[in-house]
Amino acid sequence: MTRARETSENARQAKAWVNFTGTGTVTRNAWFNVTSVTDHDTGDYSVNFETAFSSADDYVACVTASCQNGTNAIPTVHQFGVTTASTGGLFRFRISEGNSYATYRDSDNIYVIVFGE
């Protein structure tokens, strides 16, 4: 199915975003349209939206993460091995070492921004 290209000013605005601490007890530092962040396991998180999208196909999320203190590894964000898929109500992702998807890691600061319908 081909979707129409949205050209309104509203389409250019973030629909949700969050800045959170991903080590120890996960803590939201600043957010918009995010009710909570779930820490499933080391490097495995879900961002839960206050106002859900129709489906996971109705948004795109961009994630960046800082290196954990004491490491030089570049964090890699992916959905490889995630057992519960993203939905309209949440975006789930993992963070790994840059050289190994199998080595999951927590990151000091994680930033997620979401655009969609």
Protein backbone atom coordinates (compact mmCIF):
# COMPACT_ATOMS: atom_id res chain seq x y z
CA MET A 1 0.00 0.00 0.00
CA THR A 2 1.38 3.39 -0.97
CA ARG A 3 0.83 6.21 1.48
CA ALA A 4 0.31 9.81 0.56
CA ARG A 5 3.18 12.11 1.39
CA GLU A 6 2.22 14.33 4.30
CA THR A 7 3.16 17.92 3.61
CA SER A 8 1.51 19.73 6.49
CA GLU A 9 3.49 21.62 9.12
CA ASN A 10 2.16 19.13 11.70
CA ALA A 11 3.93 16.24 9.94
CA ARG A 12 7.30 17.90 10.53
CA GLN A 13 6.94 17.99 14.30
CA ALA A 14 8.08 15.26 16.66
CA LYS A 15 5.14 13.26 18.01
CA ALA A 16 7.11 11.87 20.96
CA TRP A 17 10.61 12.13 22.43
CA VAL A 18 12.48 11.11 25.54
CA ASN A 19 15.91 11.54 27.12
CA PHE A 20 16.54 8.83 29.71
CA THR A 21 19.28 7.29 31.82
CA GLY A 22 19.69 3.66 30.77
CA THR A 23 21.90 2.39 33.60
CA GLY A 24 20.76 1.26 37.05
CA THR A 25 17.18 2.39 37.57
CA VAL A 26 15.95 3.76 34.25
CA THR A 27 15.03 7.43 34.73
CA ARG A 28 13.29 9.75 32.28
CA ASN A 29 15.10 13.10 32.34
CA ALA A 30 12.88 14.94 29.87
CA TRP A 31 10.04 13.73 27.65
CA PHE A 32 6.99 14.49 25.54
CA ASN A 33 4.15 12.00 24.88
CA VAL A 34 6.04 9.22 26.70
CA THR A 35 4.41 7.67 29.77
CA SER A 36 7.35 5.47 30.74
CA VAL A 37 10.44 3.57 29.65
CA THR A 38 10.60 -0.16 30.39
CA ASP A 39 13.96 -1.80 31.08
CA HIS A 40 13.46 -5.43 30.01
CA ASP A 41 17.07 -6.54 30.47
CA THR A 42 20.59 -5.27 29.82
CA GLY A 43 20.39 -2.97 26.78
CA ASP A 44 16.74 -3.90 26.05
CA TYR A 45 14.19 -1.06 26.36
CA SER A 46 10.66 -0.06 25.39
CA VAL A 47 9.47 3.53 25.10
CA ASN A 48 5.75 3.63 25.92
CA PHE A 49 3.68 6.35 24.23
CA GLU A 50 0.99 8.37 26.01
CA THR A 51 -0.96 8.78 22.78
CA ALA A 52 -0.54 5.62 20.72
CA PHE A 53 -0.08 5.52 16.97
CA SER A 54 -2.46 3.38 14.86
CA SER A 55 0.29 0.78 14.36
CA ALA A 56 4.07 0.39 14.33
CA ASP A 57 3.93 1.20 10.60
CA ASP A 58 2.68 4.74 11.35
CA TYR A 59 5.88 6.14 12.88
CA VAL A 60 9.63 6.17 12.62
CA ALA A 61 11.95 6.37 15.62
CA CYS A 62 15.52 7.58 15.77
CA VAL A 63 17.67 6.52 18.73
CA THR A 64 21.10 7.68 19.85
CA ALA A 65 23.02 6.57 22.92
CA SER A 66 26.16 7.66 24.70
CA CYS A 67 28.95 5.26 25.60
CA GLN A 68 28.82 3.78 29.05
CA ASN A 69 31.41 5.16 31.47
CA GLY A 70 34.70 3.32 31.21
CA THR A 71 34.16 1.84 27.73
CA ASN A 72 35.21 2.94 24.29
CA ALA A 73 32.64 0.84 22.46
CA ILE A 74 30.29 2.55 20.06
CA PRO A 75 26.67 1.67 20.93
CA THR A 76 24.62 0.10 18.13
CA VAL A 77 20.84 0.41 18.23
CA HIS A 78 18.81 -2.43 16.65
CA GLN A 79 15.79 -4.70 16.99
CA PHE A 80 17.66 -7.97 16.42
CA GLY A 81 16.47 -10.64 18.85
CA VAL A 82 13.63 -8.56 20.31
CA THR A 83 10.94 -11.06 21.36
CA THR A 84 8.06 -8.57 21.63
CA ALA A 85 7.71 -6.40 18.55
CA SER A 86 7.06 -2.68 18.53
CA THR A 87 3.40 -1.67 18.35
CA GLY A 88 1.46 1.56 17.97
CA GLY A 89 1.75 2.00 21.74
CA LEU A 90 5.44 1.28 22.23
CA PHE A 91 8.80 1.21 20.47
CA ARG A 92 11.14 -1.58 21.56
CA PHE A 93 14.86 -1.69 20.80
CA ARG A 94 18.20 -3.01 21.99
CA ILE A 95 21.63 -1.47 22.36
CA SER A 96 24.72 -3.58 21.72
CA GLU A 97 28.45 -3.18 21.43
CA GLY A 98 29.40 -1.86 18.00
CA ASN A 99 31.25 -5.06 17.09
CA SER A 100 28.72 -7.62 18.38
CA TYR A 101 24.92 -7.68 18.30
CA ALA A 102 25.08 -10.44 20.92
CA THR A 103 26.80 -8.22 23.53
CA TYR A 104 23.95 -6.10 24.90
CA ARG A 105 24.83 -3.05 26.97
CA ASP A 106 23.21 -0.34 29.00
CA SER A 107 24.08 3.25 28.10
CA ASP A 108 24.31 6.25 30.38
CA ASN A 109 22.10 8.47 28.21
CA ILE A 110 19.63 7.38 25.55
CA TYR A 111 17.69 9.74 23.31
CA VAL A 112 14.64 8.73 21.26
CA ILE A 113 12.68 10.98 18.89
CA VAL A 114 9.58 9.80 17.02
CA PHE A 115 7.88 11.21 13.93
CA GLY A 116 4.61 9.88 12.55
CA GLU A 117 0.96 10.34 11.79
